[in-house]
């Protein structure tokens, strides 16, 4: 169990590190945010399993996660249509 929790925490830490290192590229930021959410989902899953609680809240969490991912992809598509690149330093605003 300790190895599972360590790997989840390590994955969350590494996704935060990569998110901070490549903050200029929108696609990599979206991928790391989704990886962080996936690690949080696994943490919730382990917590629910250890405390014998209901897993229904995980379905609500997954729905919110999908909505967040779709919003991020739609913003990226809008940026690509405006400027043709997902590099943040090119844009002054996300209008």
C-alpha atoms as a PDB file:
ATOM      1  CA  UNK A   1       0.000   0.000   0.000  1.00  0.00           C
ATOM      2  CA  UNK A   2       2.860   2.364   0.795  1.00  0.00           C
ATOM      3  CA  UNK A   3       4.341   1.790  -2.657  1.00  0.00           C
ATOM      4  CA  UNK A   4       1.033   2.668  -4.311  1.00  0.00           C
ATOM      5  CA  UNK A   5       0.695   5.888  -2.323  1.00  0.00           C
ATOM      6  CA  UNK A   6       4.335   6.775  -2.970  1.00  0.00           C
ATOM      7  CA  UNK A   7       3.898   6.309  -6.713  1.00  0.00           C
ATOM      8  CA  UNK A   8       0.750   8.463  -6.703  1.00  0.00           C
ATOM      9  CA  UNK A   9       2.474  11.243  -4.753  1.00  0.00           C
ATOM     10  CA  UNK A  10       5.574  10.989  -6.933  1.00  0.00           C
ATOM     11  CA  UNK A  11       3.462  11.221 -10.082  1.00  0.00           C
ATOM     12  CA  UNK A  12       1.673  14.269  -8.701  1.00  0.00           C
ATOM     13  CA  UNK A  13       4.983  15.913  -7.807  1.00  0.00           C
ATOM     14  CA  UNK A  14       6.495  15.192 -11.218  1.00  0.00           C
ATOM     15  CA  UNK A  15       3.445  16.550 -13.027  1.00  0.00           C
ATOM     16  CA  UNK A  16       3.683  19.736 -10.956  1.00  0.00           C
ATOM     17  CA  UNK A  17       7.372  20.017 -11.797  1.00  0.00           C
ATOM     18  CA  UNK A  18       6.820  19.554 -15.532  1.00  0.00           C
ATOM     19  CA  UNK A  19       3.856  21.945 -15.388  1.00  0.00           C
ATOM     20  CA  UNK A  20       6.132  24.635 -13.937  1.00  0.00           C
ATOM     21  CA  UNK A  21       9.036  23.914 -16.285  1.00  0.00           C
ATOM     22  CA  UNK A  22       7.010  24.033 -19.515  1.00  0.00           C
ATOM     23  CA  UNK A  23       4.520  26.734 -18.597  1.00  0.00           C
ATOM     24  CA  UNK A  24       4.894  28.497 -21.949  1.00  0.00           C
ATOM     25  CA  UNK A  25       3.326  25.682 -23.971  1.00  0.00           C
ATOM     26  CA  UNK A  26      -0.408  25.326 -23.543  1.00  0.00           C
ATOM     27  CA  UNK A  27      -0.696  21.715 -24.726  1.00  0.00           C
ATOM     28  CA  UNK A  28       1.904  20.458 -22.245  1.00  0.00           C
ATOM     29  CA  UNK A  29       0.193  22.429 -19.483  1.00  0.00           C
ATOM     30  CA  UNK A  30      -3.126  20.765 -20.333  1.00  0.00           C
ATOM     31  CA  UNK A  31      -1.549  17.316 -20.369  1.00  0.00           C
ATOM     32  CA  UNK A  32       0.092  17.863 -16.988  1.00  0.00           C
ATOM     33  CA  UNK A  33      -3.145  19.199 -15.505  1.00  0.00           C
ATOM     34  CA  UNK A  34      -4.924  16.064 -16.687  1.00  0.00           C
ATOM     35  CA  UNK A  35      -2.144  13.928 -15.214  1.00  0.00           C
ATOM     36  CA  UNK A  36      -2.521  15.765 -11.884  1.00  0.00           C
ATOM     37  CA  UNK A  37      -6.266  15.179 -11.950  1.00  0.00           C
ATOM     38  CA  UNK A  38      -5.666  11.503 -12.711  1.00  0.00           C
ATOM     39  CA  UNK A  39      -3.378  11.242  -9.674  1.00  0.00           C
ATOM     40  CA  UNK A  40      -5.985  12.986  -7.522  1.00  0.00           C
ATOM     41  CA  UNK A  41      -8.552  10.492  -8.816  1.00  0.00           C
ATOM     42  CA  UNK A  42      -6.307   7.610  -7.755  1.00  0.00           C
ATOM     43  CA  UNK A  43      -5.818   9.235  -4.329  1.00  0.00           C
ATOM     44  CA  UNK A  44      -9.599   9.530  -3.939  1.00  0.00           C
ATOM     45  CA  UNK A  45      -9.987   5.929  -5.038  1.00  0.00           C
ATOM     46  CA  UNK A  46      -7.481   4.657  -2.465  1.00  0.00           C
ATOM     47  CA  UNK A  47      -9.071   6.808   0.248  1.00  0.00           C
ATOM     48  CA  UNK A  48     -12.555   5.527  -0.580  1.00  0.00           C
ATOM     49  CA  UNK A  49     -11.274   1.961  -0.619  1.00  0.00           C
ATOM     50  CA  UNK A  50      -9.530   2.302   2.771  1.00  0.00           C
ATOM     51  CA  UNK A  51     -12.478   3.963   4.506  1.00  0.00           C
ATOM     52  CA  UNK A  52     -15.180   1.789   2.864  1.00  0.00           C
ATOM     53  CA  UNK A  53     -17.089   4.802   1.588  1.00  0.00           C
ATOM     54  CA  UNK A  54     -19.335   5.036  -1.458  1.00  0.00           C
ATOM     55  CA  UNK A  55     -17.625   5.428  -4.827  1.00  0.00           C
ATOM     56  CA  UNK A  56     -20.380   7.603  -6.335  1.00  0.00           C
ATOM     57  CA  UNK A  57     -18.467  10.821  -5.624  1.00  0.00           C
ATOM     58  CA  UNK A  58     -15.741   9.548  -7.967  1.00  0.00           C
ATOM     59  CA  UNK A  59     -18.208   9.592 -10.860  1.00  0.00           C
ATOM     60  CA  UNK A  60     -19.026  13.237 -10.141  1.00  0.00           C
ATOM     61  CA  UNK A  61     -15.308  13.993  -9.967  1.00  0.00           C
ATOM     62  CA  UNK A  62     -14.762  12.338 -13.353  1.00  0.00           C
ATOM     63  CA  UNK A  63     -17.592  14.379 -14.913  1.00  0.00           C
ATOM     64  CA  UNK A  64     -16.041  17.614 -13.631  1.00  0.00           C
ATOM     65  CA  UNK A  65     -12.651  16.443 -14.907  1.00  0.00           C
ATOM     66  CA  UNK A  66     -14.023  15.825 -18.395  1.00  0.00           C
ATOM     67  CA  UNK A  67     -15.630  19.279 -18.423  1.00  0.00           C
ATOM     68  CA  UNK A  68     -12.301  20.825 -17.401  1.00  0.00           C
ATOM     69  CA  UNK A  69     -10.484  18.981 -20.154  1.00  0.00           C
ATOM     70  CA  UNK A  70     -12.989  20.022 -22.805  1.00  0.00           C
ATOM     71  CA  UNK A  71     -12.762  23.653 -21.714  1.00  0.00           C
ATOM     72  CA  UNK A  72      -8.968  23.566 -21.939  1.00  0.00           C
ATOM     73  CA  UNK A  73      -9.014  21.995 -25.382  1.00  0.00           C
ATOM     74  CA  UNK A  74     -11.551  24.538 -26.636  1.00  0.00           C
ATOM     75  CA  UNK A  75      -9.336  27.394 -25.408  1.00  0.00           C
ATOM     76  CA  UNK A  76      -6.355  25.806 -27.138  1.00  0.00           C
ATOM     77  CA  UNK A  77      -8.293  25.432 -30.410  1.00  0.00           C
ATOM     78  CA  UNK A  78      -9.315  29.090 -30.152  1.00  0.00           C
ATOM     79  CA  UNK A  79      -5.672  30.091 -29.625  1.00  0.00           C
ATOM     80  CA  UNK A  80      -4.565  27.999 -32.591  1.00  0.00           C
ATOM     81  CA  UNK A  81      -7.182  29.592 -34.827  1.00  0.00           C
ATOM     82  CA  UNK A  82      -6.128  33.076 -33.748  1.00  0.00           C
ATOM     83  CA  UNK A  83      -2.381  32.725 -33.933  1.00  0.00           C
ATOM     84  CA  UNK A  84      -1.514  29.308 -35.264  1.00  0.00           C
ATOM     85  CA  UNK A  85       0.683  28.315 -32.314  1.00  0.00           C
ATOM     86  CA  UNK A  86       0.171  27.321 -28.671  1.00  0.00           C
ATOM     87  CA  UNK A  87       3.206  29.246 -27.397  1.00  0.00           C
ATOM     88  CA  UNK A  88       2.086  31.722 -24.709  1.00  0.00           C
ATOM     89  CA  UNK A  89       4.653  34.458 -25.283  1.00  0.00           C
ATOM     90  CA  UNK A  90       3.189  35.179 -28.721  1.00  0.00           C
ATOM     91  CA  UNK A  91      -0.189  36.223 -27.287  1.00  0.00           C
ATOM     92  CA  UNK A  92      -0.955  39.355 -25.297  1.00  0.00           C
ATOM     93  CA  UNK A  93      -4.359  38.095 -24.167  1.00  0.00           C
ATOM     94  CA  UNK A  94      -6.788  35.249 -24.738  1.00  0.00           C
ATOM     95  CA  UNK A  95      -9.466  37.459 -26.318  1.00  0.00           C
END
